C-alpha atoms as a PDB file:
ATOM      1  CA  MET A   1     107.796 156.751  86.067  1.00  0.00           C
ATOM      2  CA  MET A   2     104.124 157.627  85.485  1.00  0.00           C
ATOM      3  CA  THR A   3     102.702 158.428  82.066  1.00  0.00           C
ATOM      4  CA  PHE A   4      99.155 159.024  80.796  1.00  0.00           C
ATOM      5  CA  ALA A   5      97.369 157.340  77.922  1.00  0.00           C
ATOM      6  CA  TYR A   6      95.330 160.511  77.253  1.00  0.00           C
ATOM      7  CA  PRO A   7      97.384 163.431  78.605  1.00  0.00           C
ATOM      8  CA  THR A   8      95.194 166.092  76.943  1.00  0.00           C
ATOM      9  CA  VAL A   9      92.352 165.128  79.297  1.00  0.00           C
ATOM     10  CA  LEU A  10      94.428 166.630  82.123  1.00  0.00           C
ATOM     11  CA  LEU A  11      93.608 170.078  80.686  1.00  0.00           C
ATOM     12  CA  LEU A  12      90.177 169.642  82.289  1.00  0.00           C
ATOM     13  CA  LEU A  13      91.859 170.094  85.682  1.00  0.00           C
ATOM     14  CA  ILE A  14      91.536 173.815  85.098  1.00  0.00           C
ATOM     15  CA  ILE A  15      87.865 173.314  86.018  1.00  0.00           C
ATOM     16  CA  VAL A  16      88.871 172.656  89.652  1.00  0.00           C
ATOM     17  CA  PRO A  17      90.247 176.144  90.458  1.00  0.00           C
ATOM     18  CA  ILE A  18      87.421 177.723  88.443  1.00  0.00           C
ATOM     19  CA  PHE A  19      84.836 175.883  90.542  1.00  0.00           C
ATOM     20  CA  SER A  20      86.724 176.930  93.686  1.00  0.00           C
ATOM     21  CA  VAL A  21      86.543 180.616  92.732  1.00  0.00           C
ATOM     22  CA  LEU A  22      82.874 180.312  91.762  1.00  0.00           C
ATOM     23  CA  ALA A  23      82.035 178.622  95.065  1.00  0.00           C
ATOM     24  CA  VAL A  24      83.704 181.390  97.083  1.00  0.00           C
ATOM     25  CA  PHE A  25      82.038 184.055  94.935  1.00  0.00           C
ATOM     26  CA  ILE A  26      78.567 182.516  95.345  1.00  0.00           C
ATOM     27  CA  ALA A  27      78.986 182.108  99.087  1.00  0.00           C
ATOM     28  CA  ARG A  28      79.997 185.764  99.537  1.00  0.00           C
ATOM     29  CA  ARG A  29      77.172 186.967  97.313  1.00  0.00           C
ATOM     30  CA  LYS A  30      74.549 185.061  99.331  1.00  0.00           C
ATOM     31  CA  ARG A  31      75.937 186.448 102.560  1.00  0.00           C
ATOM     32  CA  LYS A  32      75.801 189.968 101.179  1.00  0.00           C
ATOM     33  CA  GLN A  33      72.189 189.478 100.012  1.00  0.00           C
ATOM     34  CA  TRP A  34      71.109 188.376 103.479  1.00  0.00           C
ATOM     35  CA  GLN A  35      72.878 191.313 105.022  1.00  0.00           C
ATOM     36  CA  GLU A  36      70.993 193.727 102.712  1.00  0.00           C
ATOM     37  CA  PHE A  37      67.643 191.979 103.235  1.00  0.00           C
ATOM     38  CA  VAL A  38      67.680 191.789 107.049  1.00  0.00           C
ATOM     39  CA  ALA A  39      68.209 194.747 109.327  1.00  0.00           C
ATOM     40  CA  ASP A  40      71.190 194.665 111.618  1.00  0.00           C
ATOM     41  CA  ARG A  41      69.077 194.642 114.803  1.00  0.00           C
ATOM     42  CA  LEU A  42      66.957 191.676 113.575  1.00  0.00           C
ATOM     43  CA  ARG A  43      69.779 189.608 112.085  1.00  0.00           C
ATOM     44  CA  PRO A  44      70.763 187.749 115.326  1.00  0.00           C
ATOM     45  CA  ARG A  45      67.108 186.740 115.841  1.00  0.00           C
ATOM     46  CA  LEU A  46      66.312 185.690 112.259  1.00  0.00           C
ATOM     47  CA  LEU A  47      69.612 184.143 111.180  1.00  0.00           C
ATOM     48  CA  ARG A  48      71.179 181.241 112.994  1.00  0.00           C
ATOM     49  CA  SER A  49      74.947 181.197 112.591  1.00  0.00           C
ATOM     50  CA  ALA A  50      76.570 177.850 111.828  1.00  0.00           C
ATOM     51  CA  PRO A  51      80.255 176.835 111.748  1.00  0.00           C
ATOM     52  CA  PRO A  52      81.681 177.178 108.214  1.00  0.00           C
ATOM     53  CA  TRP A  53      83.884 174.055 108.240  1.00  0.00           C
ATOM     54  CA  PRO A  54      81.186 171.489 107.150  1.00  0.00           C
ATOM     55  CA  ARG A  55      80.476 173.515 104.000  1.00  0.00           C
ATOM     56  CA  ARG A  56      84.164 173.981 103.308  1.00  0.00           C
ATOM     57  CA  LEU A  57      84.851 170.282 103.864  1.00  0.00           C
ATOM     58  CA  SER A  58      82.063 169.347 101.446  1.00  0.00           C
ATOM     59  CA  LEU A  59      83.433 171.733  98.856  1.00  0.00           C
ATOM     60  CA  ILE A  60      86.982 170.391  99.202  1.00  0.00           C
ATOM     61  CA  SER A  61      85.714 166.783  98.897  1.00  0.00           C
ATOM     62  CA  LEU A  62      83.749 167.667  95.764  1.00  0.00           C
ATOM     63  CA  LEU A  63      86.736 169.371  94.136  1.00  0.00           C
ATOM     64  CA  LEU A  64      89.102 166.505  95.022  1.00  0.00           C
ATOM     65  CA  GLY A  65      86.652 163.964  93.616  1.00  0.00           C
ATOM     66  CA  LEU A  66      86.411 165.952  90.396  1.00  0.00           C
ATOM     67  CA  ALA A  67      90.209 166.161  90.120  1.00  0.00           C
ATOM     68  CA  PHE A  68      90.625 162.396  90.686  1.00  0.00           C
ATOM     69  CA  LEU A  69      87.922 161.681  88.099  1.00  0.00           C
ATOM     70  CA  ILE A  70      89.740 163.743  85.487  1.00  0.00           C
ATOM     71  CA  ILE A  71      93.065 162.037  86.311  1.00  0.00           C
ATOM     72  CA  ALA A  72      91.393 158.641  86.015  1.00  0.00           C
ATOM     73  CA  LEU A  73      89.987 159.554  82.603  1.00  0.00           C
ATOM     74  CA  ALA A  74      93.535 160.398  81.492  1.00  0.00           C
ATOM     75  CA  ARG A  75      94.462 156.757  82.337  1.00  0.00           C
ATOM     76  CA  PRO A  76      97.697 156.992  84.340  1.00  0.00           C
ATOM     77  CA  GLN A  77     100.189 154.230  83.618  1.00  0.00           C
ATOM     78  CA  LEU A  78     103.394 153.154  85.300  1.00  0.00           C
ATOM     79  CA  GLU A  79     106.233 152.824  82.826  1.00  0.00           C
ATOM     80  CA  GLU A  80     108.002 149.572  83.668  1.00  0.00           C
ATOM     81  CA  SER A  81     111.750 149.552  83.713  1.00  0.00           C
ATOM     82  CA  THR A  82     112.865 146.540  81.707  1.00  0.00           C
ATOM     83  CA  GLN A  83     116.287 144.978  81.610  1.00  0.00           C
ATOM     84  CA  THR A  84     117.344 142.630  78.871  1.00  0.00           C
ATOM     85  CA  GLU A  85     119.514 139.772  80.053  1.00  0.00           C
ATOM     86  CA  THR A  86     121.582 138.175  77.355  1.00  0.00           C
ATOM     87  CA  THR A  87     122.453 134.534  77.837  1.00  0.00           C
ATOM     88  CA  ARG A  88     125.048 132.924  75.662  1.00  0.00           C
ATOM     89  CA  GLY A  89     123.061 129.790  74.977  1.00  0.00           C
ATOM     90  CA  ARG A  90     124.430 127.051  72.780  1.00  0.00           C
ATOM     91  CA  ASN A  91     122.783 124.365  70.694  1.00  0.00           C
ATOM     92  CA  LEU A  92     123.682 120.865  71.847  1.00  0.00           C
ATOM     93  CA  ILE A  93     122.460 117.712  70.123  1.00  0.00           C
ATOM     94  CA  ILE A  94     122.792 114.486  72.120  1.00  0.00           C
ATOM     95  CA  VAL A  95     123.067 111.362  69.958  1.00  0.00           C
ATOM     96  CA  LEU A  96     121.951 108.414  72.088  1.00  0.00           C
ATOM     97  CA  ASP A  97     122.580 104.779  71.143  1.00  0.00           C
ATOM     98  CA  LEU A  98     119.354 102.741  71.447  1.00  0.00           C
ATOM     99  CA  SER A  99     120.710  99.492  70.003  1.00  0.00           C
ATOM    100  CA  ARG A 100     120.092  96.228  71.869  1.00  0.00           C
ATOM    101  CA  SER A 101     123.668  96.115  73.178  1.00  0.00           C
ATOM    102  CA  MET A 102     122.875  99.136  75.381  1.00  0.00           C
ATOM    103  CA  LEU A 103     120.847  96.791  77.592  1.00  0.00           C
ATOM    104  CA  ALA A 104     124.058  95.129  78.826  1.00  0.00           C
ATOM    105  CA  ASN A 105     124.666  95.612  82.525  1.00  0.00           C
ATOM    106  CA  ASP A 106     128.442  95.908  82.683  1.00  0.00           C
ATOM    107  CA  LEU A 107     127.531  99.427  83.798  1.00  0.00           C
ATOM    108  CA  LYS A 108     124.845  99.304  86.468  1.00  0.00           C
ATOM    109  CA  PRO A 109     121.940  99.086  86.150  1.00  0.00           C
ATOM    110  CA  SER A 110     122.539  99.089  82.368  1.00  0.00           C
ATOM    111  CA  ARG A 111     124.472 100.996  79.751  1.00  0.00           C
ATOM    112  CA  LEU A 112     121.330 102.804  78.642  1.00  0.00           C
ATOM    113  CA  ASP A 113     120.417 103.791  82.206  1.00  0.00           C
ATOM    114  CA  GLN A 114     123.950 105.075  82.724  1.00  0.00           C
ATOM    115  CA  ALA A 115     123.689 107.151  79.545  1.00  0.00           C
ATOM    116  CA  LYS A 116     120.333 108.553  80.656  1.00  0.00           C
ATOM    117  CA  ALA A 117     121.753 109.505  84.062  1.00  0.00           C
ATOM    118  CA  LEU A 118     124.504 111.407  82.288  1.00  0.00           C
ATOM    119  CA  ILE A 119     121.926 113.249  80.176  1.00  0.00           C
ATOM    120  CA  TYR A 120     119.958 114.232  83.299  1.00  0.00           C
ATOM    121  CA  GLU A 121     123.095 115.667  84.854  1.00  0.00           C
ATOM    122  CA  LEU A 122     123.893 117.579  81.665  1.00  0.00           C
ATOM    123  CA  LEU A 123     120.416 119.133  81.664  1.00  0.00           C
ATOM    124  CA  GLU A 124     121.120 120.535  85.128  1.00  0.00           C
ATOM    125  CA  THR A 125     124.682 121.586  84.344  1.00  0.00           C
ATOM    126  CA  LEU A 126     123.801 123.437  81.123  1.00  0.00           C
ATOM    127  CA  PRO A 127     120.650 125.442  82.011  1.00  0.00           C
ATOM    128  CA  ASN A 128     121.135 128.070  79.277  1.00  0.00           C
ATOM    129  CA  ASP A 129     121.771 125.651  76.419  1.00  0.00           C
ATOM    130  CA  ARG A 130     119.186 124.500  73.914  1.00  0.00           C
ATOM    131  CA  ILE A 131     119.337 120.720  73.931  1.00  0.00           C
ATOM    132  CA  GLY A 132     117.914 118.152  71.535  1.00  0.00           C
ATOM    133  CA  VAL A 133     118.067 114.361  71.513  1.00  0.00           C
ATOM    134  CA  ILE A 134     118.504 111.972  68.585  1.00  0.00           C
ATOM    135  CA  GLY A 135     118.122 108.263  69.248  1.00  0.00           C
ATOM    136  CA  PHE A 136     119.515 105.723  66.821  1.00  0.00           C
ATOM    137  CA  ALA A 137     119.682 102.027  66.105  1.00  0.00           C
ATOM    138  CA  SER A 138     119.368 100.944  62.482  1.00  0.00           C
ATOM    139  CA  MET A 139     118.147 104.479  61.757  1.00  0.00           C
ATOM    140  CA  PRO A 140     118.159 107.795  63.588  1.00  0.00           C
ATOM    141  CA  TYR A 141     115.159 109.731  64.868  1.00  0.00           C
ATOM    142  CA  LEU A 142     114.891 113.216  66.389  1.00  0.00           C
ATOM    143  CA  PHE A 143     112.983 112.485  69.589  1.00  0.00           C
ATOM    144  CA  ALA A 144     113.506 115.918  71.181  1.00  0.00           C
ATOM    145  CA  PRO A 145     113.992 118.997  68.965  1.00  0.00           C
ATOM    146  CA  LEU A 146     116.359 121.686  70.206  1.00  0.00           C
ATOM    147  CA  THR A 147     114.745 123.470  73.123  1.00  0.00           C
ATOM    148  CA  SER A 148     115.584 125.276  76.358  1.00  0.00           C
ATOM    149  CA  ASP A 149     112.704 123.414  78.046  1.00  0.00           C
ATOM    150  CA  HIS A 150     114.888 120.886  79.820  1.00  0.00           C
ATOM    151  CA  ILE A 151     111.942 119.399  81.700  1.00  0.00           C
ATOM    152  CA  ALA A 152     110.396 118.345  78.389  1.00  0.00           C
ATOM    153  CA  VAL A 153     113.727 116.902  77.237  1.00  0.00           C
ATOM    154  CA  ARG A 154     114.073 114.890  80.438  1.00  0.00           C
ATOM    155  CA  GLU A 155     110.545 113.513  80.122  1.00  0.00           C
ATOM    156  CA  THR A 156     111.319 112.419  76.557  1.00  0.00           C
ATOM    157  CA  VAL A 157     114.574 110.714  77.550  1.00  0.00           C
ATOM    158  CA  GLU A 158     112.861 108.887  80.415  1.00  0.00           C
ATOM    159  CA  GLN A 159     110.540 107.195  77.917  1.00  0.00           C
ATOM    160  CA  LEU A 160     113.270 106.044  75.522  1.00  0.00           C
ATOM    161  CA  ASP A 161     114.292 102.408  75.454  1.00  0.00           C
ATOM    162  CA  CYS A 162     115.721  99.914  73.006  1.00  0.00           C
ATOM    163  CA  ASP A 163     112.255  99.372  71.517  1.00  0.00           C
ATOM    164  CA  SER A 164     111.830 103.053  70.618  1.00  0.00           C
ATOM    165  CA  ILE A 165     113.266 102.249  67.174  1.00  0.00           C
ATOM    166  CA  PRO A 166     111.676  99.059  65.812  1.00  0.00           C
ATOM    167  CA  THR A 167     114.606  97.617  63.884  1.00  0.00           C
ATOM    168  CA  GLY A 168     117.973  96.685  65.353  1.00  0.00           C
ATOM    169  CA  GLY A 169     121.418  97.827  64.305  1.00  0.00           C
ATOM    170  CA  SER A 170     123.697 100.714  65.153  1.00  0.00           C
ATOM    171  CA  ASP A 171     124.085 103.305  62.412  1.00  0.00           C
ATOM    172  CA  VAL A 172     125.740 106.181  64.252  1.00  0.00           C
ATOM    173  CA  ALA A 173     126.921 107.779  60.991  1.00  0.00           C
ATOM    174  CA  GLU A 174     123.347 108.517  59.899  1.00  0.00           C
ATOM    175  CA  ALA A 175     122.580 109.832  63.378  1.00  0.00           C
ATOM    176  CA  VAL A 176     125.500 112.245  63.178  1.00  0.00           C
ATOM    177  CA  LYS A 177     124.353 113.420  59.729  1.00  0.00           C
ATOM    178  CA  LEU A 178     120.879 114.121  61.114  1.00  0.00           C
ATOM    179  CA  ALA A 179     122.407 115.980  64.062  1.00  0.00           C
ATOM    180  CA  VAL A 180     124.539 118.184  61.810  1.00  0.00           C
ATOM    181  CA  GLN A 181     121.558 118.918  59.573  1.00  0.00           C
ATOM    182  CA  THR A 182     119.462 119.874  62.618  1.00  0.00           C
ATOM    183  CA  LEU A 183     122.205 122.171  63.905  1.00  0.00           C
ATOM    184  CA  LYS A 184     122.654 123.827  60.509  1.00  0.00           C
ATOM    185  CA  GLU A 185     118.969 124.750  60.435  1.00  0.00           C
ATOM    186  CA  THR A 186     119.517 126.977  63.484  1.00  0.00           C
ATOM    187  CA  ALA A 187     121.856 129.204  61.440  1.00  0.00           C
ATOM    188  CA  GLN A 188     124.083 129.519  64.524  1.00  0.00           C
ATOM    189  CA  GLN A 189     127.735 128.690  64.972  1.00  0.00           C
ATOM    190  CA  ASN A 190     127.872 127.923  68.682  1.00  0.00           C
ATOM    191  CA  ASN A 191     126.893 124.252  68.363  1.00  0.00           C
ATOM    192  CA  GLY A 192     127.882 121.055  70.130  1.00  0.00           C
ATOM    193  CA  LEU A 193     127.431 117.348  69.417  1.00  0.00           C
ATOM    194  CA  LEU A 194     127.549 114.686  72.136  1.00  0.00           C
ATOM    195  CA  ILE A 195     127.578 111.001  71.205  1.00  0.00           C
ATOM    196  CA  LEU A 196     126.681 108.404  73.858  1.00  0.00           C
ATOM    197  CA  SER A 197     127.330 104.898  72.559  1.00  0.00           C
ATOM    198  CA  ASP A 198     129.041 101.579  73.260  1.00  0.00           C
ATOM    199  CA  GLY A 199     130.655 101.586  69.822  1.00  0.00           C
ATOM    200  CA  GLU A 200     129.099  98.281  68.760  1.00  0.00           C
ATOM    201  CA  GLU A 201     128.899  97.741  64.986  1.00  0.00           C
ATOM    202  CA  HIS A 202     130.203 101.221  64.239  1.00  0.00           C
ATOM    203  CA  ALA A 203     131.482 101.166  60.696  1.00  0.00           C
ATOM    204  CA  PRO A 204     134.131 103.528  59.308  1.00  0.00           C
ATOM    205  CA  GLU A 205     131.206 105.392  57.691  1.00  0.00           C
ATOM    206  CA  LEU A 206     131.271 107.575  60.784  1.00  0.00           C
ATOM    207  CA  LEU A 207     134.629 109.043  59.755  1.00  0.00           C
ATOM    208  CA  LYS A 208     133.113 110.121  56.436  1.00  0.00           C
ATOM    209  CA  THR A 209     130.978 112.671  58.287  1.00  0.00           C
ATOM    210  CA  LEU A 210     134.060 114.605  59.424  1.00  0.00           C
ATOM    211  CA  ASP A 211     133.853 117.093  56.531  1.00  0.00           C
ATOM    212  CA  GLU A 212     130.286 118.026  57.428  1.00  0.00           C
ATOM    213  CA  ILE A 213     131.241 118.352  61.094  1.00  0.00           C
ATOM    214  CA  GLN A 214     134.163 120.662  60.370  1.00  0.00           C
ATOM    215  CA  GLN A 215     132.225 122.782  57.851  1.00  0.00           C
ATOM    216  CA  SER A 216     129.411 123.329  60.328  1.00  0.00           C
ATOM    217  CA  GLY A 217     131.817 124.374  63.093  1.00  0.00           C
ATOM    218  CA  THR A 218     130.296 121.807  65.449  1.00  0.00           C
ATOM    219  CA  TYR A 219     132.239 120.814  68.563  1.00  0.00           C
ATOM    220  CA  VAL A 220     132.262 117.081  69.200  1.00  0.00           C
ATOM    221  CA  PHE A 221     132.339 115.078  72.407  1.00  0.00           C
ATOM    222  CA  ALA A 222     132.028 111.294  72.361  1.00  0.00           C
ATOM    223  CA  VAL A 223     131.437 109.133  75.430  1.00  0.00           C
ATOM    224  CA  GLY A 224     132.022 105.387  75.432  1.00  0.00           C
ATOM    225  CA  ILE A 225     129.258 103.605  77.359  1.00  0.00           C
ATOM    226  CA  GLY A 226     130.367 100.179  78.623  1.00  0.00           C
ATOM    227  CA  THR A 227     133.497  98.286  79.588  1.00  0.00           C
ATOM    228  CA  GLU A 228     136.113  96.336  77.669  1.00  0.00           C
ATOM    229  CA  ASP A 229     135.269  93.212  79.692  1.00  0.00           C
ATOM    230  CA  GLY A 230     131.720  93.513  78.428  1.00  0.00           C
ATOM    231  CA  SER A 231     128.598  91.658  79.412  1.00  0.00           C
ATOM    232  CA  PHE A 232     125.791  89.532  78.023  1.00  0.00           C
ATOM    233  CA  ILE A 233     122.715  91.175  76.545  1.00  0.00           C
ATOM    234  CA  PRO A 234     119.613  90.347  78.589  1.00  0.00           C
ATOM    235  CA  ASP A 235     116.589  89.039  76.694  1.00  0.00           C
ATOM    236  CA  ARG A 236     113.525  87.472  78.282  1.00  0.00           C
ATOM    237  CA  ASN A 237     112.675  85.635  75.064  1.00  0.00           C
ATOM    238  CA  PHE A 238     115.455  83.110  75.692  1.00  0.00           C
ATOM    239  CA  PRO A 239     115.369  80.418  78.429  1.00  0.00           C
ATOM    240  CA  ASP A 240     118.551  81.600  80.118  1.00  0.00           C
ATOM    241  CA  GLY A 241     117.610  85.272  79.734  1.00  0.00           C
ATOM    242  CA  ARG A 242     120.549  85.972  77.401  1.00  0.00           C
ATOM    243  CA  PHE A 243     120.269  87.209  73.853  1.00  0.00           C
ATOM    244  CA  ARG A 244     121.498  84.778  71.154  1.00  0.00           C
ATOM    245  CA  ASP A 245     122.427  85.339  67.522  1.00  0.00           C
ATOM    246  CA  VAL A 246     121.151  83.438  64.473  1.00  0.00           C
ATOM    247  CA  ASN A 247     123.599  80.636  65.260  1.00  0.00           C
ATOM    248  CA  ASP A 248     122.104  80.296  68.744  1.00  0.00           C
ATOM    249  CA  GLU A 249     125.327  81.639  70.251  1.00  0.00           C
ATOM    250  CA  VAL A 250     125.158  83.831  73.357  1.00  0.00           C
ATOM    251  CA  VAL A 251     126.203  87.353  72.413  1.00  0.00           C
ATOM    252  CA  LEU A 252     128.852  89.008  74.545  1.00  0.00           C
ATOM    253  CA  THR A 253     129.015  92.734  73.960  1.00  0.00           C
ATOM    254  CA  ARG A 254     132.131  94.778  74.741  1.00  0.00           C
ATOM    255  CA  LEU A 255     132.845  98.488  74.565  1.00  0.00           C
ATOM    256  CA  GLN A 256     134.444  99.219  71.197  1.00  0.00           C
ATOM    257  CA  SER A 257     135.729 102.724  71.557  1.00  0.00           C
ATOM    258  CA  ASP A 258     138.335 102.899  68.762  1.00  0.00           C
ATOM    259  CA  VAL A 259     136.030 104.389  66.115  1.00  0.00           C
ATOM    260  CA  LEU A 260     134.428 106.832  68.558  1.00  0.00           C
ATOM    261  CA  ARG A 261     137.799 107.963  69.898  1.00  0.00           C
ATOM    262  CA  SER A 262     139.251 108.402  66.411  1.00  0.00           C
ATOM    263  CA  PHE A 263     136.189 110.309  65.242  1.00  0.00           C
ATOM    264  CA  ALA A 264     136.205 112.708  68.201  1.00  0.00           C
ATOM    265  CA  GLU A 265     139.925 113.404  67.946  1.00  0.00           C
ATOM    266  CA  LYS A 266     139.886 113.946  64.161  1.00  0.00           C
ATOM    267  CA  ALA A 267     136.926 116.295  64.567  1.00  0.00           C
ATOM    268  CA  GLY A 268     138.978 118.337  67.016  1.00  0.00           C
ATOM    269  CA  GLY A 269     136.849 117.201  69.934  1.00  0.00           C
ATOM    270  CA  ARG A 270     137.258 114.937  72.942  1.00  0.00           C
ATOM    271  CA  PHE A 271     136.554 111.371  73.994  1.00  0.00           C
ATOM    272  CA  ALA A 272     135.852 110.021  77.470  1.00  0.00           C
ATOM    273  CA  LEU A 273     134.595 106.874  79.150  1.00  0.00           C
ATOM    274  CA  ALA A 274     131.311 106.839  81.014  1.00  0.00           C
ATOM    275  CA  GLN A 275     133.129 105.669  84.133  1.00  0.00           C
ATOM    276  CA  SER A 276     134.388 109.249  84.499  1.00  0.00           C
ATOM    277  CA  ALA A 277     130.801 110.544  84.384  1.00  0.00           C
ATOM    278  CA  SER A 278     131.394 112.942  87.273  1.00  0.00           C
ATOM    279  CA  ASP A 279     133.712 115.009  85.083  1.00  0.00           C
ATOM    280  CA  ILE A 280     131.877 114.708  81.774  1.00  0.00           C
ATOM    281  CA  PRO A 281     129.204 117.424  82.328  1.00  0.00           C
ATOM    282  CA  GLN A 282     131.886 120.006  83.107  1.00  0.00           C
ATOM    283  CA  MET A 283     133.952 118.848  80.141  1.00  0.00           C
ATOM    284  CA  VAL A 284     131.005 119.040  77.767  1.00  0.00           C
ATOM    285  CA  GLY A 285     130.082 122.432  79.200  1.00  0.00           C
ATOM    286  CA  GLY A 286     133.472 123.718  78.139  1.00  0.00           C
ATOM    287  CA  ILE A 287     133.056 122.718  74.500  1.00  0.00           C
ATOM    288  CA  GLY A 288     133.143 125.794  72.318  1.00  0.00           C
ATOM    289  CA  ARG A 289     133.309 128.191  75.278  1.00  0.00           C
ATOM    290  CA  GLY A 290     136.866 129.252  74.746  1.00  0.00           C
END
């Protein structure tokens, strides 16, 4: 639909028919003057007749140009038809374990790489969700604020490693508290929390966050990263390439899923093992949808 920025300017179009009438009137008057000035018997010899169409064509071109100029001054505009598409996006915070035990390779090529691969798949599976990432070891840190820019989230995750947080440990309870606080700041109810961890060193403090989880209406999904058989933690600083504790004992890390499973179930959520990664994106996508 066409509209005009200055519609009153279109009133000047009345000039076009007025000029047309004046042009016809002037042409007839000149012809009449010549007829009165020259005798009929001398007119063929003194006046050379010419076809009228060049003059008429010039007049029509002039009038059309004037009309287009006036229309241009009125500034015609096309009114765009806009459609608003509503997407039912959800806020999803991913809590990623960055403790040293995530370097174990009982999941190939490592637990951390397996967790990252799962995050990449989630980013593709949940295109309308706003996703943020919190990494934790001895303390949590919001590496990627909630955003629908999944490319930026992926680039952030690609750079994360077990040195992203300088001190060791595995305080998932503080990470969950930070996640809930971040979700509350959105003032929305359609929120999800995904924990990716091997469960190492998880104290019962995690269960103390259940009240905050339930009050915020956050849906919880926890994924155990690792195997019960476990593996050694690689470390180039030791001669055999295996991490050792203060007693110079080689550390064998195993998946400890009891706390994670209990937390997810008591929060009304779900728990799964990373080995079933092909189903996890669809399962997480269903959190809070029903």
